[in-house]
Amino acid sequence: MNFKTTQILIGIVGIESLAQYFLQKQIKSTNIMYLIGGTLCYSCVALGYYLILKSGVKMALADAFFNAGSQLMITIIGFFIFGQRLSYKQLIGILLILIGVKLAE
């Protein structure tokens, strides 16, 4: 994966994490703007993912890196911002994600 594609990947992981943040905030809010923000962010994620695929990266590899990055970022947001805790099994799952990304390189 070249530098530009890596930048797009990092960007869409961040944007998806923002979308998840907005949607979680919408759960306890009557402000529809959180839902709209989450929806717009997911539209940007789709465009960025398309650009990654268009650059020639294999779909399986692009998906693996995108999903692993998103899962890790969303876990961090859930833990630090929303106070959500993880079980021992869930922590092992995250460790397996990290191992899988390393193997996919």
Protein backbone atom coordinates (compact mmCIF):
# COMPACT_ATOMS: atom_id res chain seq x y z
CA MET A 1 0.00 0.00 0.00
CA ASN A 2 1.48 3.34 -0.99
CA PHE A 3 1.61 6.46 1.19
CA LYS A 4 -1.46 8.13 -0.35
CA THR A 5 -3.57 4.99 0.08
CA THR A 6 -2.38 4.66 3.67
CA GLN A 7 -3.44 8.26 4.31
CA ILE A 8 -6.90 7.55 2.89
CA LEU A 9 -7.17 4.45 5.07
CA ILE A 10 -6.24 6.38 8.20
CA GLY A 11 -8.70 9.10 7.21
CA ILE A 12 -11.64 6.76 6.74
CA VAL A 13 -10.86 4.97 10.00
CA GLY A 14 -11.00 8.35 11.72
CA ILE A 15 -14.18 9.37 9.93
CA GLU A 16 -15.89 6.09 10.76
CA SER A 17 -14.87 6.53 14.39
CA LEU A 18 -16.44 10.00 14.30
CA ALA A 19 -19.60 8.50 12.78
CA GLN A 20 -19.78 5.96 15.61
CA TYR A 21 -19.30 8.77 18.12
CA PHE A 22 -22.17 10.76 16.58
CA LEU A 23 -24.48 7.74 16.52
CA GLN A 24 -23.70 6.88 20.15
CA LYS A 25 -24.41 10.51 21.13
CA GLN A 26 -27.72 10.34 19.22
CA ILE A 27 -28.91 7.52 21.52
CA LYS A 28 -29.32 9.94 24.45
CA SER A 29 -30.16 13.07 22.48
CA THR A 30 -33.16 14.50 20.73
CA ASN A 31 -30.87 16.54 18.48
CA ILE A 32 -31.18 14.95 15.03
CA MET A 33 -27.89 16.56 14.00
CA TYR A 34 -25.94 13.68 15.55
CA LEU A 35 -27.77 11.23 13.30
CA ILE A 36 -27.20 13.44 10.26
CA GLY A 37 -23.51 13.81 11.16
CA GLY A 38 -23.12 10.05 11.49
CA THR A 39 -24.85 9.47 8.16
CA LEU A 40 -22.67 12.03 6.37
CA CYS A 41 -19.53 10.54 7.88
CA TYR A 42 -20.49 7.08 6.63
CA SER A 43 -20.98 8.52 3.15
CA CYS A 44 -17.42 9.85 3.28
CA VAL A 45 -16.18 6.45 4.47
CA ALA A 46 -17.77 4.78 1.43
CA LEU A 47 -16.08 7.26 -0.91
CA GLY A 48 -12.69 6.78 0.75
CA TYR A 49 -12.99 3.00 0.66
CA TYR A 50 -13.84 3.21 -3.04
CA LEU A 51 -10.69 5.27 -3.63
CA ILE A 52 -8.60 2.65 -1.84
CA LEU A 53 -10.04 -0.12 -4.00
CA LYS A 54 -9.58 2.00 -7.13
CA SER A 55 -5.90 2.38 -6.31
CA GLY A 56 -5.45 -1.36 -6.85
CA VAL A 57 -5.32 -2.62 -3.27
CA LYS A 58 -6.86 -6.07 -3.01
CA MET A 59 -10.33 -5.97 -1.46
CA ALA A 60 -9.51 -8.54 1.24
CA LEU A 61 -6.44 -6.62 2.34
CA ALA A 62 -8.16 -3.22 2.26
CA ASP A 63 -11.09 -4.60 4.24
CA ALA A 64 -8.84 -6.27 6.82
CA PHE A 65 -6.89 -3.09 7.52
CA PHE A 66 -10.00 -0.90 7.49
CA ASN A 67 -11.98 -3.12 9.85
CA ALA A 68 -9.06 -3.68 12.22
CA GLY A 69 -8.32 0.04 12.40
CA SER A 70 -11.97 0.90 12.91
CA GLN A 71 -12.46 -1.70 15.62
CA LEU A 72 -9.45 -0.46 17.55
CA MET A 73 -10.39 3.22 17.27
CA ILE A 74 -14.01 2.60 18.22
CA THR A 75 -12.88 0.51 21.19
CA ILE A 76 -10.67 3.38 22.36
CA ILE A 77 -13.52 5.90 21.95
CA GLY A 78 -15.94 3.62 23.79
CA PHE A 79 -13.51 3.12 26.65
CA PHE A 80 -12.21 6.67 27.14
CA ILE A 81 -15.19 8.81 26.11
CA PHE A 82 -18.22 6.66 26.96
CA GLY A 83 -16.73 4.65 29.84
CA GLN A 84 -17.51 1.28 28.27
CA ARG A 85 -15.51 -1.62 29.69
CA LEU A 86 -14.31 -4.78 27.92
CA SER A 87 -14.31 -8.35 29.20
CA TYR A 88 -11.24 -10.56 29.19
CA LYS A 89 -12.53 -12.40 26.11
CA GLN A 90 -13.07 -9.13 24.27
CA LEU A 91 -9.51 -8.00 25.06
CA ILE A 92 -8.20 -11.29 23.66
CA GLY A 93 -10.27 -10.64 20.52
CA ILE A 94 -8.63 -7.24 20.09
CA LEU A 95 -5.21 -8.84 20.52
CA LEU A 96 -6.12 -11.33 17.77
CA ILE A 97 -7.10 -8.42 15.52
CA LEU A 98 -3.66 -6.88 16.01
CA ILE A 99 -1.97 -10.20 15.27
CA GLY A 100 -4.09 -10.61 12.13
CA VAL A 101 -3.13 -7.18 10.83
CA LYS A 102 0.53 -7.94 11.41
CA LEU A 103 0.19 -11.22 9.49
CA ALA A 104 -1.60 -9.49 6.60
CA GLU A 105 1.25 -7.02 6.01
